[in-house]
Amino acid sequence: MVSRKYLVLLSLSGFIVSLDQLTKNAVVNNFKLGESLPVASSFFNISRVHNAGAAFGLLANLPPNLRDPFFFIVPAFTLAVIFAVFYKLRDTQSLSVYALTAIVGGALGNLADRIRLGYVVDFLDFHWNGAWHFPAFNVADSAITIGVALLMLGMLIERDGEESIGLVG
């Protein structure tokens, strides 16, 4: 019988990747690059942005012969580490299971963009009256951020010997 944690991994990460790709495709099919639709004019826009870099556009200016391998090798290594940690989790460590599943789903969603397009499509654009502007992001980025927050919370809550991941010792 398949462990519950693997069912969660397959179903939730599959849902995240599907939702991520569906929303990105909707933006690509309905917006020109750089086009923006105010949703809440002083707070939120849907804006089509292409991110060739990492989070917040970091490393976007690297030459493609350095940048492209980096953005395939690092996610592959990171996913391998996550799967190794995931394997050690117990079914009872629900918070950590959901956290790592969200991170995997987000990572795969953005990796799909990089493989298919050579960049990541971002579109969630938050700002405040022209004085502050957060870099655009997407569903995959949101899943990764939520996953990391849940993972930190899980490390605090699931700490006792019976519930710990058991990476040390």
Protein backbone atom coordinates (compact mmCIF):
# COMPACT_ATOMS: atom_id res chain seq x y z
CA MET A 1 0.00 0.00 0.00
CA VAL A 2 1.25 3.48 -0.88
CA SER A 3 2.05 5.70 2.07
CA ARG A 4 -0.27 8.68 2.60
CA LYS A 5 2.61 11.13 2.29
CA TYR A 6 3.28 9.98 -1.30
CA LEU A 7 -0.40 10.39 -2.20
CA VAL A 8 -0.24 13.93 -0.80
CA LEU A 9 2.99 14.58 -2.74
CA LEU A 10 1.55 13.40 -6.04
CA SER A 11 -1.88 14.98 -5.73
CA LEU A 12 -1.00 18.34 -4.17
CA SER A 13 2.16 18.97 -6.18
CA GLY A 14 0.26 17.97 -9.32
CA PHE A 15 -2.50 20.42 -8.41
CA ILE A 16 0.03 23.22 -7.79
CA VAL A 17 1.83 22.62 -11.09
CA SER A 18 -1.50 22.47 -12.95
CA LEU A 19 -2.84 25.66 -11.36
CA ASP A 20 0.48 27.41 -11.92
CA GLN A 21 0.66 26.47 -15.60
CA LEU A 22 -3.03 27.22 -16.17
CA THR A 23 -2.74 30.73 -14.72
CA LYS A 24 0.51 31.45 -16.56
CA ASN A 25 -0.99 30.27 -19.85
CA ALA A 26 -4.06 32.48 -19.27
CA VAL A 27 -1.78 35.48 -18.75
CA VAL A 28 0.37 34.67 -21.80
CA ASN A 29 -2.72 34.20 -23.98
CA ASN A 30 -4.42 37.41 -22.82
CA PHE A 31 -1.63 39.91 -22.12
CA LYS A 32 1.26 41.28 -24.13
CA LEU A 33 4.65 41.36 -22.45
CA GLY A 34 4.65 44.35 -20.08
CA GLU A 35 0.88 44.81 -20.27
CA SER A 36 -0.86 45.38 -16.96
CA LEU A 37 -4.47 45.22 -15.79
CA PRO A 38 -5.26 47.16 -12.59
CA VAL A 39 -7.38 45.00 -10.29
CA ALA A 40 -7.17 47.21 -7.22
CA SER A 41 -5.53 50.30 -8.70
CA SER A 42 -3.56 51.40 -5.66
CA PHE A 43 -2.58 47.88 -4.59
CA PHE A 44 -2.70 45.04 -7.17
CA ASN A 45 -2.29 44.52 -10.91
CA ILE A 46 -2.11 41.51 -13.15
CA SER A 47 1.00 42.20 -15.23
CA ARG A 48 2.80 39.97 -17.71
CA VAL A 49 6.48 39.83 -16.82
CA HIS A 50 9.18 37.45 -18.04
CA ASN A 51 11.81 36.59 -15.45
CA ALA A 52 15.00 35.12 -16.87
CA GLY A 53 16.63 35.27 -13.43
CA ALA A 54 16.04 33.76 -10.02
CA ALA A 55 13.81 35.20 -7.31
CA PHE A 56 13.29 38.94 -7.80
CA GLY A 57 15.20 38.76 -11.11
CA LEU A 58 18.52 37.94 -9.45
CA LEU A 59 21.17 36.66 -11.88
CA ALA A 60 19.05 37.64 -14.90
CA ASN A 61 22.00 39.54 -16.38
CA LEU A 62 24.35 36.57 -16.33
CA PRO A 63 25.35 35.37 -19.80
CA PRO A 64 22.94 32.61 -20.94
CA ASN A 65 25.78 30.04 -21.13
CA LEU A 66 26.23 30.45 -17.34
CA ARG A 67 22.66 31.30 -16.32
CA ASP A 68 20.83 28.49 -18.12
CA PRO A 69 22.83 25.54 -16.70
CA PHE A 70 22.62 27.14 -13.24
CA PHE A 71 18.82 27.26 -13.42
CA PHE A 72 18.61 23.58 -14.32
CA ILE A 73 21.34 22.14 -12.09
CA VAL A 74 20.36 23.99 -8.90
CA PRO A 75 16.65 23.03 -9.06
CA ALA A 76 17.54 19.41 -9.90
CA PHE A 77 19.92 19.23 -6.93
CA THR A 78 17.42 20.97 -4.65
CA LEU A 79 14.62 18.60 -5.67
CA ALA A 80 16.92 15.60 -5.02
CA VAL A 81 17.63 16.90 -1.50
CA ILE A 82 13.94 17.57 -0.89
CA PHE A 83 13.01 14.05 -2.01
CA ALA A 84 15.70 12.58 0.29
CA VAL A 85 14.28 14.52 3.24
CA PHE A 86 10.72 13.69 2.19
CA TYR A 87 11.59 9.98 2.18
CA LYS A 88 12.62 10.23 5.85
CA LEU A 89 9.39 11.94 6.92
CA ARG A 90 6.77 9.95 8.77
CA ASP A 91 3.14 10.12 7.70
CA THR A 92 2.41 11.76 11.04
CA GLN A 93 4.59 14.76 10.14
CA SER A 94 1.75 16.30 8.17
CA LEU A 95 2.98 19.89 8.27
CA SER A 96 6.39 18.95 6.87
CA VAL A 97 4.79 16.69 4.25
CA TYR A 98 2.56 19.52 3.04
CA ALA A 99 5.40 22.03 3.23
CA LEU A 100 7.80 20.00 1.11
CA THR A 101 4.98 19.10 -1.28
CA ALA A 102 4.21 22.80 -1.84
CA ILE A 103 7.90 23.51 -2.46
CA VAL A 104 8.14 20.63 -4.94
CA GLY A 105 5.00 21.75 -6.79
CA GLY A 106 6.26 25.32 -7.02
CA ALA A 107 9.73 24.28 -8.12
CA LEU A 108 8.32 22.01 -10.83
CA GLY A 109 5.96 24.74 -12.04
CA ASN A 110 8.78 27.23 -12.51
CA LEU A 111 11.10 24.56 -13.93
CA ALA A 112 8.45 23.72 -16.53
CA ASP A 113 8.55 27.38 -17.66
CA ARG A 114 12.33 27.39 -17.87
CA ILE A 115 12.36 24.20 -19.93
CA ARG A 116 9.51 25.27 -22.21
CA LEU A 117 10.13 29.02 -22.51
CA GLY A 118 13.63 29.78 -21.19
CA TYR A 119 12.18 32.12 -18.53
CA VAL A 120 9.48 32.16 -15.86
CA VAL A 121 6.17 33.96 -16.40
CA ASP A 122 5.25 36.20 -13.45
CA PHE A 123 2.01 38.14 -13.18
CA LEU A 124 0.94 38.86 -9.60
CA ASP A 125 1.98 42.49 -9.17
CA PHE A 126 1.55 44.16 -5.77
CA HIS A 127 2.37 47.82 -5.14
CA TRP A 128 1.39 50.71 -2.92
CA ASN A 129 0.43 54.06 -4.49
CA GLY A 130 3.58 54.21 -6.60
CA ALA A 131 5.78 54.47 -3.50
CA TRP A 132 6.48 50.75 -3.08
CA HIS A 133 6.52 47.94 -5.61
CA PHE A 134 7.05 44.25 -4.88
CA PRO A 135 8.57 42.21 -7.74
CA ALA A 136 5.94 40.31 -9.72
CA PHE A 137 5.53 36.63 -8.87
CA ASN A 138 3.30 33.67 -9.71
CA VAL A 139 1.43 30.70 -8.21
CA ALA A 140 4.60 28.57 -8.11
CA ASP A 141 6.49 31.27 -6.22
CA SER A 142 3.58 31.53 -3.79
CA ALA A 143 3.59 27.76 -3.21
CA ILE A 144 7.35 27.80 -2.54
CA THR A 145 7.02 30.69 -0.09
CA ILE A 146 4.10 29.07 1.74
CA GLY A 147 5.98 25.76 1.77
CA VAL A 148 9.09 27.33 3.31
CA ALA A 149 6.97 29.07 5.97
CA LEU A 150 5.18 25.79 6.78
CA LEU A 151 8.50 23.96 6.88
CA MET A 152 9.88 26.42 9.45
CA LEU A 153 6.70 26.07 11.48
CA GLY A 154 6.90 22.28 11.16
CA MET A 155 10.47 22.31 12.44
CA LEU A 156 9.21 23.99 15.61
CA ILE A 157 6.04 21.94 16.06
CA GLU A 158 7.31 18.53 14.92
CA ARG A 159 10.52 18.70 16.97
CA ASP A 160 10.12 16.03 19.59
CA GLY A 161 12.03 12.80 19.08
CA GLU A 162 9.06 10.83 17.81
CA GLU A 163 8.11 13.45 15.23
CA SER A 164 11.51 14.76 14.09
CA ILE A 165 12.76 14.22 10.55
CA GLY A 166 15.77 12.36 11.90
CA LEU A 167 18.43 13.81 9.59
CA VAL A 168 21.01 13.82 12.38
CA GLY A 169 21.83 10.87 14.53
